[in-house]
Amino acid sequence: MGPQSVEHRESIYVGYRYYDKVDKNVLFPFGFGLSYTEFKYSDLSISQNKIKDIDQLEVSFKVKNVGNKFGSEVAQVYVKDIESTIFKSEKELKEFKKIY
C-alpha cells in the first residue's frame, strides 16, 4: 500500500471554532456537566486593556457556589485578537480550571 493522504477542508474550524464562526449554539459546550447547583462569576479583573502577542495578561475573577448543593465548575478564559493580520478563529481557549 502506497502513501495516503487525508484532506481536512474545515481548516482551523473544528469543535467550538466552527460553531463560533457560524454563530450557532452547541448543546453541550466545553466544560458542560450536569450539576445540582449553580455558580456565580463576579469581580472580573485584567492586568491591562491592550497587549501585544508577546505580552502576558493576568485575568482574575471570583466563582461562588450559590446553590444548595456541593458541586464543581470548569472556569474558562477565552481570548480574541481584534487586530489580527493573520487567519485566526473567533476566540481561543487559553486557560481552564476545574474548581470545587
PDB file of N, CA and C in Angstrom:
ATOM      1  N   MET A   1       0.849  -1.167   0.000  1.00  0.00           N
ATOM      2  CA  MET A   1       0.000   0.000   0.000  1.00  0.00           C
ATOM      3  C   MET A   1       0.901   1.239   0.000  1.00  0.00           C
ATOM      4  N   GLY A   2       0.647   2.163  -0.906  1.00  0.00           N
ATOM      5  CA  GLY A   2       1.462   3.369  -1.048  1.00  0.00           C
ATOM      6  C   GLY A   2       1.034   4.470  -0.087  1.00  0.00           C
ATOM      7  N   PRO A   3       1.667   5.623  -0.207  1.00  0.00           N
ATOM      8  CA  PRO A   3       1.335   6.765   0.661  1.00  0.00           C
ATOM      9  C   PRO A   3      -0.125   7.174   0.513  1.00  0.00           C
ATOM     10  N   GLN A   4      -0.721   7.562   1.610  1.00  0.00           N
ATOM     11  CA  GLN A   4      -2.102   8.019   1.603  1.00  0.00           C
ATOM     12  C   GLN A   4      -2.166   9.397   2.237  1.00  0.00           C
ATOM     13  N   SER A   5      -3.164  10.146   1.885  1.00  0.00           N
ATOM     14  CA  SER A   5      -3.337  11.467   2.490  1.00  0.00           C
ATOM     15  C   SER A   5      -4.800  11.689   2.806  1.00  0.00           C
ATOM     16  N   VAL A   6      -5.022  12.584   3.740  1.00  0.00           N
ATOM     17  CA  VAL A   6      -6.373  12.949   4.146  1.00  0.00           C
ATOM     18  C   VAL A   6      -6.499  14.454   4.011  1.00  0.00           C
ATOM     19  N   GLU A   7      -7.584  14.895   3.429  1.00  0.00           N
ATOM     20  CA  GLU A   7      -7.802  16.325   3.247  1.00  0.00           C
ATOM     21  C   GLU A   7      -8.779  16.832   4.305  1.00  0.00           C
ATOM     22  N   HIS A   8      -8.352  17.836   5.071  1.00  0.00           N
ATOM     23  CA  HIS A   8      -9.205  18.436   6.092  1.00  0.00           C
ATOM     24  C   HIS A   8      -9.659  19.808   5.597  1.00  0.00           C
ATOM     25  N   ARG A   9     -10.838  19.877   5.066  1.00  0.00           N
ATOM     26  CA  ARG A   9     -11.320  21.123   4.466  1.00  0.00           C
ATOM     27  C   ARG A   9     -11.822  22.134   5.484  1.00  0.00           C
ATOM     28  N   GLU A  10     -12.019  21.704   6.726  1.00  0.00           N
ATOM     29  CA  GLU A  10     -12.540  22.631   7.727  1.00  0.00           C
ATOM     30  C   GLU A  10     -11.481  23.590   8.257  1.00  0.00           C
ATOM     31  N   SER A  11     -10.229  23.402   7.858  1.00  0.00           N
ATOM     32  CA  SER A  11      -9.137  24.282   8.276  1.00  0.00           C
ATOM     33  C   SER A  11      -9.068  24.309   9.801  1.00  0.00           C
ATOM     34  N   ILE A  12      -9.059  25.495  10.389  1.00  0.00           N
ATOM     35  CA  ILE A  12      -8.990  25.612  11.849  1.00  0.00           C
ATOM     36  C   ILE A  12     -10.361  25.519  12.499  1.00  0.00           C
ATOM     37  N   TYR A  13     -11.416  25.435  11.704  1.00  0.00           N
ATOM     38  CA  TYR A  13     -12.778  25.487  12.240  1.00  0.00           C
ATOM     39  C   TYR A  13     -13.296  24.109  12.628  1.00  0.00           C
ATOM     40  N   VAL A  14     -12.718  23.548  13.678  1.00  0.00           N
ATOM     41  CA  VAL A  14     -13.193  22.293  14.240  1.00  0.00           C
ATOM     42  C   VAL A  14     -13.655  22.571  15.666  1.00  0.00           C
ATOM     43  N   GLY A  15     -14.564  21.760  16.161  1.00  0.00           N
ATOM     44  CA  GLY A  15     -15.056  21.939  17.527  1.00  0.00           C
ATOM     45  C   GLY A  15     -15.769  23.265  17.706  1.00  0.00           C
ATOM     46  N   TYR A  16     -15.512  23.928  18.835  1.00  0.00           N
ATOM     47  CA  TYR A  16     -16.209  25.179  19.142  1.00  0.00           C
ATOM     48  C   TYR A  16     -15.890  26.275  18.128  1.00  0.00           C
ATOM     49  N   ARG A  17     -14.758  26.200  17.459  1.00  0.00           N
ATOM     50  CA  ARG A  17     -14.393  27.232  16.483  1.00  0.00           C
ATOM     51  C   ARG A  17     -15.375  27.268  15.316  1.00  0.00           C
ATOM     52  N   TYR A  18     -15.850  26.106  14.886  1.00  0.00           N
ATOM     53  CA  TYR A  18     -16.850  26.065  13.808  1.00  0.00           C
ATOM     54  C   TYR A  18     -18.144  26.731  14.264  1.00  0.00           C
ATOM     55  N   TYR A  19     -18.622  26.372  15.441  1.00  0.00           N
ATOM     56  CA  TYR A  19     -19.887  26.917  15.926  1.00  0.00           C
ATOM     57  C   TYR A  19     -19.796  28.424  16.177  1.00  0.00           C
ATOM     58  N   ASP A  20     -18.635  28.911  16.608  1.00  0.00           N
ATOM     59  CA  ASP A  20     -18.443  30.357  16.745  1.00  0.00           C
ATOM     60  C   ASP A  20     -18.506  31.046  15.386  1.00  0.00           C
ATOM     61  N   LYS A  21     -17.878  30.452  14.387  1.00  0.00           N
ATOM     62  CA  LYS A  21     -17.824  31.043  13.051  1.00  0.00           C
ATOM     63  C   LYS A  21     -19.205  31.166  12.436  1.00  0.00           C
ATOM     64  N   VAL A  22     -20.049  30.148  12.615  1.00  0.00           N
ATOM     65  CA  VAL A  22     -21.395  30.177  12.031  1.00  0.00           C
ATOM     66  C   VAL A  22     -22.430  30.714  13.022  1.00  0.00           C
ATOM     67  N   ASP A  23     -21.962  31.209  14.173  1.00  0.00           N
ATOM     68  CA  ASP A  23     -22.821  31.804  15.196  1.00  0.00           C
ATOM     69  C   ASP A  23     -23.968  30.877  15.585  1.00  0.00           C
ATOM     70  N   LYS A  24     -23.602  29.659  15.955  1.00  0.00           N
ATOM     71  CA  LYS A  24     -24.588  28.639  16.314  1.00  0.00           C
ATOM     72  C   LYS A  24     -24.268  28.092  17.699  1.00  0.00           C
ATOM     73  N   ASN A  25     -25.281  27.976  18.550  1.00  0.00           N
ATOM     74  CA  ASN A  25     -25.095  27.420  19.892  1.00  0.00           C
ATOM     75  C   ASN A  25     -24.912  25.914  19.820  1.00  0.00           C
ATOM     76  N   VAL A  26     -24.172  25.377  20.785  1.00  0.00           N
ATOM     77  CA  VAL A  26     -23.978  23.937  20.871  1.00  0.00           C
ATOM     78  C   VAL A  26     -24.795  23.394  22.035  1.00  0.00           C
ATOM     79  N   LEU A  27     -25.164  22.146  21.959  1.00  0.00           N
ATOM     80  CA  LEU A  27     -25.965  21.532  23.008  1.00  0.00           C
ATOM     81  C   LEU A  27     -25.155  21.335  24.285  1.00  0.00           C
ATOM     82  N   PHE A  28     -23.908  20.890  24.156  1.00  0.00           N
ATOM     83  CA  PHE A  28     -23.045  20.646  25.312  1.00  0.00           C
ATOM     84  C   PHE A  28     -21.717  21.354  25.113  1.00  0.00           C
ATOM     85  N   PRO A  29     -21.576  22.614  25.565  1.00  0.00           N
ATOM     86  CA  PRO A  29     -20.318  23.340  25.381  1.00  0.00           C
ATOM     87  C   PRO A  29     -19.199  22.759  26.236  1.00  0.00           C
ATOM     88  N   PHE A  30     -17.956  23.154  25.919  1.00  0.00           N
ATOM     89  CA  PHE A  30     -16.797  22.692  26.670  1.00  0.00           C
ATOM     90  C   PHE A  30     -16.994  22.965  28.162  1.00  0.00           C
ATOM     91  N   GLY A  31     -16.692  21.987  28.988  1.00  0.00           N
ATOM     92  CA  GLY A  31     -16.843  22.156  30.427  1.00  0.00           C
ATOM     93  C   GLY A  31     -18.240  21.877  30.925  1.00  0.00           C
ATOM     94  N   PHE A  32     -19.166  21.553  30.023  1.00  0.00           N
ATOM     95  CA  PHE A  32     -20.542  21.306  30.420  1.00  0.00           C
ATOM     96  C   PHE A  32     -20.630  20.022  31.225  1.00  0.00           C
ATOM     97  N   GLY A  33     -21.421  20.055  32.245  1.00  0.00           N
ATOM     98  CA  GLY A  33     -21.659  18.853  33.033  1.00  0.00           C
ATOM     99  C   GLY A  33     -22.954  19.016  33.792  1.00  0.00           C
ATOM    100  N   LEU A  34     -23.582  17.942  34.074  1.00  0.00           N
ATOM    101  CA  LEU A  34     -24.806  18.007  34.855  1.00  0.00           C
ATOM    102  C   LEU A  34     -24.456  18.365  36.285  1.00  0.00           C
ATOM    103  N   SER A  35     -25.166  19.307  36.843  1.00  0.00           N
ATOM    104  CA  SER A  35     -24.870  19.767  38.192  1.00  0.00           C
ATOM    105  C   SER A  35     -26.172  19.982  38.943  1.00  0.00           C
ATOM    106  N   TYR A  36     -26.102  19.824  40.221  1.00  0.00           N
ATOM    107  CA  TYR A  36     -27.271  20.056  41.059  1.00  0.00           C
ATOM    108  C   TYR A  36     -27.167  21.397  41.764  1.00  0.00           C
ATOM    109  N   THR A  37     -26.273  22.259  41.296  1.00  0.00           N
ATOM    110  CA  THR A  37     -26.074  23.557  41.926  1.00  0.00           C
ATOM    111  C   THR A  37     -25.818  24.613  40.865  1.00  0.00           C
ATOM    112  N   GLU A  38     -25.665  25.859  41.286  1.00  0.00           N
ATOM    113  CA  GLU A  38     -25.405  26.972  40.365  1.00  0.00           C
ATOM    114  C   GLU A  38     -24.191  27.754  40.841  1.00  0.00           C
ATOM    115  N   PHE A  39     -23.498  28.370  39.884  1.00  0.00           N
ATOM    116  CA  PHE A  39     -22.323  29.168  40.199  1.00  0.00           C
ATOM    117  C   PHE A  39     -22.489  30.579  39.679  1.00  0.00           C
ATOM    118  N   LYS A  40     -21.936  31.530  40.423  1.00  0.00           N
ATOM    119  CA  LYS A  40     -21.980  32.939  40.029  1.00  0.00           C
ATOM    120  C   LYS A  40     -20.543  33.434  39.859  1.00  0.00           C
ATOM    121  N   TYR A  41     -20.298  34.109  38.732  1.00  0.00           N
ATOM    122  CA  TYR A  41     -18.987  34.707  38.450  1.00  0.00           C
ATOM    123  C   TYR A  41     -19.075  36.202  38.766  1.00  0.00           C
ATOM    124  N   SER A  42     -18.012  36.750  39.348  1.00  0.00           N
ATOM    125  CA  SER A  42     -18.002  38.178  39.668  1.00  0.00           C
ATOM    126  C   SER A  42     -16.568  38.700  39.727  1.00  0.00           C
ATOM    127  N   ASP A  43     -16.452  40.012  39.866  1.00  0.00           N
ATOM    128  CA  ASP A  43     -15.175  40.702  40.076  1.00  0.00           C
ATOM    129  C   ASP A  43     -14.110  40.369  39.024  1.00  0.00           C
ATOM    130  N   LEU A  44     -14.512  40.392  37.751  1.00  0.00           N
ATOM    131  CA  LEU A  44     -13.559  40.166  36.670  1.00  0.00           C
ATOM    132  C   LEU A  44     -12.533  41.284  36.652  1.00  0.00           C
ATOM    133  N   SER A  45     -11.270  40.921  36.570  1.00  0.00           N
ATOM    134  CA  SER A  45     -10.189  41.895  36.540  1.00  0.00           C
ATOM    135  C   SER A  45      -9.123  41.430  35.558  1.00  0.00           C
ATOM    136  N   ILE A  46      -8.605  42.359  34.745  1.00  0.00           N
ATOM    137  CA  ILE A  46      -7.498  42.056  33.852  1.00  0.00           C
ATOM    138  C   ILE A  46      -6.366  43.038  34.128  1.00  0.00           C
ATOM    139  N   SER A  47      -5.125  42.589  33.943  1.00  0.00           N
ATOM    140  CA  SER A  47      -3.970  43.402  34.323  1.00  0.00           C
ATOM    141  C   SER A  47      -3.741  44.589  33.394  1.00  0.00           C
ATOM    142  N   GLN A  48      -4.201  44.516  32.147  1.00  0.00           N
ATOM    143  CA  GLN A  48      -4.089  45.640  31.224  1.00  0.00           C
ATOM    144  C   GLN A  48      -5.118  45.488  30.108  1.00  0.00           C
ATOM    145  N   ASN A  49      -5.481  46.611  29.495  1.00  0.00           N
ATOM    146  CA  ASN A  49      -6.525  46.588  28.469  1.00  0.00           C
ATOM    147  C   ASN A  49      -6.016  46.234  27.081  1.00  0.00           C
ATOM    148  N   LYS A  50      -4.775  46.548  26.787  1.00  0.00           N
ATOM    149  CA  LYS A  50      -4.197  46.222  25.485  1.00  0.00           C
ATOM    150  C   LYS A  50      -2.876  45.500  25.692  1.00  0.00           C
ATOM    151  N   ILE A  51      -2.682  44.440  24.909  1.00  0.00           N
ATOM    152  CA  ILE A  51      -1.420  43.713  24.972  1.00  0.00           C
ATOM    153  C   ILE A  51      -0.960  43.392  23.565  1.00  0.00           C
ATOM    154  N   LYS A  52       0.312  43.105  23.428  1.00  0.00           N
ATOM    155  CA  LYS A  52       0.875  42.598  22.173  1.00  0.00           C
ATOM    156  C   LYS A  52       1.027  41.096  22.308  1.00  0.00           C
ATOM    157  N   ASP A  53       1.296  40.430  21.206  1.00  0.00           N
ATOM    158  CA  ASP A  53       1.346  38.968  21.226  1.00  0.00           C
ATOM    159  C   ASP A  53       2.432  38.401  22.134  1.00  0.00           C
ATOM    160  N   ILE A  54       3.424  39.190  22.499  1.00  0.00           N
ATOM    161  CA  ILE A  54       4.485  38.694  23.377  1.00  0.00           C
ATOM    162  C   ILE A  54       4.246  39.050  24.842  1.00  0.00           C
ATOM    163  N   ASP A  55       3.226  39.870  25.105  1.00  0.00           N
ATOM    164  CA  ASP A  55       2.913  40.287  26.471  1.00  0.00           C
ATOM    165  C   ASP A  55       2.122  39.207  27.202  1.00  0.00           C
ATOM    166  N   GLN A  56       2.181  39.278  28.524  1.00  0.00           N
ATOM    167  CA  GLN A  56       1.365  38.388  29.343  1.00  0.00           C
ATOM    168  C   GLN A  56       0.238  39.189  29.978  1.00  0.00           C
ATOM    169  N   LEU A  57      -0.897  38.573  30.119  1.00  0.00           N
ATOM    170  CA  LEU A  57      -2.071  39.204  30.697  1.00  0.00           C
ATOM    171  C   LEU A  57      -2.535  38.358  31.874  1.00  0.00           C
ATOM    172  N   GLU A  58      -2.794  38.997  32.987  1.00  0.00           N
ATOM    173  CA  GLU A  58      -3.312  38.281  34.150  1.00  0.00           C
ATOM    174  C   GLU A  58      -4.812  38.550  34.249  1.00  0.00           C
ATOM    175  N   VAL A  59      -5.576  37.481  34.345  1.00  0.00           N
ATOM    176  CA  VAL A  59      -7.029  37.550  34.451  1.00  0.00           C
ATOM    177  C   VAL A  59      -7.433  36.919  35.770  1.00  0.00           C
ATOM    178  N   SER A  60      -8.306  37.602  36.499  1.00  0.00           N
ATOM    179  CA  SER A  60      -8.804  37.003  37.737  1.00  0.00           C
ATOM    180  C   SER A  60     -10.293  37.273  37.872  1.00  0.00           C
ATOM    181  N   PHE A  61     -10.959  36.401  38.571  1.00  0.00           N
ATOM    182  CA  PHE A  61     -12.388  36.542  38.854  1.00  0.00           C
ATOM    183  C   PHE A  61     -12.736  35.610  39.991  1.00  0.00           C
ATOM    184  N   LYS A  62     -13.874  35.866  40.592  1.00  0.00           N
ATOM    185  CA  LYS A  62     -14.362  35.007  41.668  1.00  0.00           C
ATOM    186  C   LYS A  62     -15.464  34.108  41.135  1.00  0.00           C
ATOM    187  N   VAL A  63     -15.500  32.897  41.647  1.00  0.00           N
ATOM    188  CA  VAL A  63     -16.556  31.951  41.325  1.00  0.00           C
ATOM    189  C   VAL A  63     -17.139  31.474  42.644  1.00  0.00           C
ATOM    190  N   LYS A  64     -18.444  31.637  42.785  1.00  0.00           N
ATOM    191  CA  LYS A  64     -19.094  31.259  44.038  1.00  0.00           C
ATOM    192  C   LYS A  64     -20.226  30.278  43.771  1.00  0.00           C
ATOM    193  N   ASN A  65     -20.267  29.236  44.575  1.00  0.00           N
ATOM    194  CA  ASN A  65     -21.371  28.292  44.522  1.00  0.00           C
ATOM    195  C   ASN A  65     -22.551  28.954  45.234  1.00  0.00           C
ATOM    196  N   VAL A  66     -23.593  29.317  44.478  1.00  0.00           N
ATOM    197  CA  VAL A  66     -24.757  29.989  45.064  1.00  0.00           C
ATOM    198  C   VAL A  66     -25.943  29.036  45.209  1.00  0.00           C
ATOM    199  N   GLY A  67     -25.717  27.758  44.951  1.00  0.00           N
ATOM    200  CA  GLY A  67     -26.776  26.766  45.092  1.00  0.00           C
ATOM    201  C   GLY A  67     -26.776  26.128  46.462  1.00  0.00           C
ATOM    202  N   ASN A  68     -27.617  25.146  46.628  1.00  0.00           N
ATOM    203  CA  ASN A  68     -27.776  24.449  47.908  1.00  0.00           C
ATOM    204  C   ASN A  68     -26.933  23.183  48.028  1.00  0.00           C
ATOM    205  N   LYS A  69     -26.283  22.782  46.966  1.00  0.00           N
ATOM    206  CA  LYS A  69     -25.526  21.523  46.961  1.00  0.00           C
ATOM    207  C   LYS A  69     -24.052  21.788  46.666  1.00  0.00           C
ATOM    208  N   PHE A  70     -23.194  20.853  47.090  1.00  0.00           N
ATOM    209  CA  PHE A  70     -21.787  20.870  46.732  1.00  0.00           C
ATOM    210  C   PHE A  70     -21.669  20.599  45.231  1.00  0.00           C
ATOM    211  N   GLY A  71     -20.698  21.202  44.574  1.00  0.00           N
ATOM    212  CA  GLY A  71     -20.528  20.953  43.147  1.00  0.00           C
ATOM    213  C   GLY A  71     -19.186  21.417  42.640  1.00  0.00           C
ATOM    214  N   SER A  72     -18.961  21.223  41.358  1.00  0.00           N
ATOM    215  CA  SER A  72     -17.730  21.674  40.714  1.00  0.00           C
ATOM    216  C   SER A  72     -18.092  22.437  39.441  1.00  0.00           C
ATOM    217  N   GLU A  73     -17.157  23.273  38.998  1.00  0.00           N
ATOM    218  CA  GLU A  73     -17.358  24.120  37.832  1.00  0.00           C
ATOM    219  C   GLU A  73     -16.058  24.149  37.030  1.00  0.00           C
ATOM    220  N   VAL A  74     -16.147  24.261  35.722  1.00  0.00           N
ATOM    221  CA  VAL A  74     -14.966  24.443  34.885  1.00  0.00           C
ATOM    222  C   VAL A  74     -14.944  25.904  34.458  1.00  0.00           C
ATOM    223  N   ALA A  75     -14.067  26.680  35.090  1.00  0.00           N
ATOM    224  CA  ALA A  75     -13.906  28.092  34.746  1.00  0.00           C
ATOM    225  C   ALA A  75     -13.007  28.174  33.519  1.00  0.00           C
ATOM    226  N   GLN A  76     -13.393  29.007  32.540  1.00  0.00           N
ATOM    227  CA  GLN A  76     -12.685  29.076  31.264  1.00  0.00           C
ATOM    228  C   GLN A  76     -12.346  30.517  30.913  1.00  0.00           C
ATOM    229  N   VAL A  77     -11.194  30.707  30.295  1.00  0.00           N
ATOM    230  CA  VAL A  77     -10.793  32.031  29.811  1.00  0.00           C
ATOM    231  C   VAL A  77     -10.528  31.925  28.312  1.00  0.00           C
ATOM    232  N   TYR A  78     -11.251  32.735  27.538  1.00  0.00           N
ATOM    233  CA  TYR A  78     -11.086  32.795  26.092  1.00  0.00           C
ATOM    234  C   TYR A  78     -10.513  34.154  25.716  1.00  0.00           C
ATOM    235  N   VAL A  79      -9.747  34.202  24.624  1.00  0.00           N
ATOM    236  CA  VAL A  79      -9.201  35.455  24.123  1.00  0.00           C
ATOM    237  C   VAL A  79      -9.561  35.604  22.646  1.00  0.00           C
ATOM    238  N   LYS A  80      -9.532  36.861  22.188  1.00  0.00           N
ATOM    239  CA  LYS A  80      -9.795  37.167  20.785  1.00  0.00           C
ATOM    240  C   LYS A  80      -8.842  38.267  20.357  1.00  0.00           C
ATOM    241  N   ASP A  81      -8.196  38.069  19.231  1.00  0.00           N
ATOM    242  CA  ASP A  81      -7.301  39.080  18.678  1.00  0.00           C
ATOM    243  C   ASP A  81      -8.119  39.939  17.718  1.00  0.00           C
ATOM    244  N   ILE A  82      -8.458  41.143  18.138  1.00  0.00           N
ATOM    245  CA  ILE A  82      -9.322  42.004  17.314  1.00  0.00           C
ATOM    246  C   ILE A  82      -8.566  42.746  16.222  1.00  0.00           C
ATOM    247  N   GLU A  83      -7.234  42.705  16.273  1.00  0.00           N
ATOM    248  CA  GLU A  83      -6.436  43.379  15.247  1.00  0.00           C
ATOM    249  C   GLU A  83      -5.503  42.414  14.534  1.00  0.00           C
ATOM    250  N   SER A  84      -5.901  41.175  14.418  1.00  0.00           N
ATOM    251  CA  SER A  84      -5.036  40.152  13.835  1.00  0.00           C
ATOM    252  C   SER A  84      -4.822  40.398  12.345  1.00  0.00           C
ATOM    253  N   THR A  85      -3.603  40.186  11.899  1.00  0.00           N
ATOM    254  CA  THR A  85      -3.287  40.285  10.477  1.00  0.00           C
ATOM    255  C   THR A  85      -3.190  38.903   9.842  1.00  0.00           C
ATOM    256  N   ILE A  86      -3.422  37.865  10.647  1.00  0.00           N
ATOM    257  CA  ILE A  86      -3.398  36.502  10.121  1.00  0.00           C
ATOM    258  C   ILE A  86      -4.753  35.846  10.347  1.00  0.00           C
ATOM    259  N   PHE A  87      -4.988  34.751   9.663  1.00  0.00           N
ATOM    260  CA  PHE A  87      -6.225  33.986   9.730  1.00  0.00           C
ATOM    261  C   PHE A  87      -6.332  33.313  11.096  1.00  0.00           C
ATOM    262  N   LYS A  88      -7.318  33.716  11.918  1.00  0.00           N
ATOM    263  CA  LYS A  88      -7.477  33.157  13.261  1.00  0.00           C
ATOM    264  C   LYS A  88      -8.943  32.868  13.544  1.00  0.00           C
ATOM    265  N   SER A  89      -9.180  32.050  14.558  1.00  0.00           N
ATOM    266  CA  SER A  89     -10.547  31.739  14.966  1.00  0.00           C
ATOM    267  C   SER A  89     -11.159  32.924  15.710  1.00  0.00           C
ATOM    268  N   GLU A  90     -12.478  32.887  15.896  1.00  0.00           N
ATOM    269  CA  GLU A  90     -13.190  33.960  16.579  1.00  0.00           C
ATOM    270  C   GLU A  90     -12.705  34.154  18.010  1.00  0.00           C
ATOM    271  N   LYS A  91     -12.441  33.065  18.689  1.00  0.00           N
ATOM    272  CA  LYS A  91     -11.899  33.118  20.050  1.00  0.00           C
ATOM    273  C   LYS A  91     -11.067  31.870  20.272  1.00  0.00           C
ATOM    274  N   GLU A  92     -10.157  31.961  21.245  1.00  0.00           N
ATOM    275  CA  GLU A  92      -9.290  30.832  21.554  1.00  0.00           C
ATOM    276  C   GLU A  92      -9.335  30.559  23.049  1.00  0.00           C
ATOM    277  N   LEU A  93      -9.515  29.300  23.410  1.00  0.00           N
ATOM    278  CA  LEU A  93      -9.460  28.901  24.805  1.00  0.00           C
ATOM    279  C   LEU A  93      -8.004  28.971  25.250  1.00  0.00           C
ATOM    280  N   LYS A  94      -7.714  29.811  26.254  1.00  0.00           N
ATOM    281  CA  LYS A  94      -6.335  29.974  26.718  1.00  0.00           C
ATOM    282  C   LYS A  94      -6.073  29.279  28.040  1.00  0.00           C
ATOM    283  N   GLU A  95      -7.084  29.152  28.864  1.00  0.00           N
ATOM    284  CA  GLU A  95      -6.874  28.521  30.173  1.00  0.00           C
ATOM    285  C   GLU A  95      -8.219  28.008  30.690  1.00  0.00           C
ATOM    286  N   PHE A  96      -8.177  26.932  31.434  1.00  0.00           N
ATOM    287  CA  PHE A  96      -9.366  26.452  32.140  1.00  0.00           C
ATOM    288  C   PHE A  96      -8.925  25.738  33.395  1.00  0.00           C
ATOM    289  N   LYS A  97      -9.825  25.696  34.342  1.00  0.00           N
ATOM    290  CA  LYS A  97      -9.521  25.013  35.594  1.00  0.00           C
ATOM    291  C   LYS A  97     -10.819  24.512  36.211  1.00  0.00           C
ATOM    292  N   LYS A  98     -10.790  23.288  36.671  1.00  0.00           N
ATOM    293  CA  LYS A  98     -11.945  22.741  37.370  1.00  0.00           C
ATOM    294  C   LYS A  98     -11.816  23.102  38.835  1.00  0.00           C
ATOM    295  N   ILE A  99     -12.867  23.678  39.381  1.00  0.00           N
ATOM    296  CA  ILE A  99     -12.856  24.095  40.775  1.00  0.00           C
ATOM    297  C   ILE A  99     -13.997  23.448  41.522  1.00  0.00           C
ATOM    298  N   TYR A 100     -13.803  23.283  42.820  1.00  0.00           N
ATOM    299  CA  TYR A 100     -14.806  22.618  43.661  1.00  0.00           C
ATOM    300  C   TYR A 100     -15.295  23.546  44.734  1.00  0.00           C
TER     301      TYR A 100
END
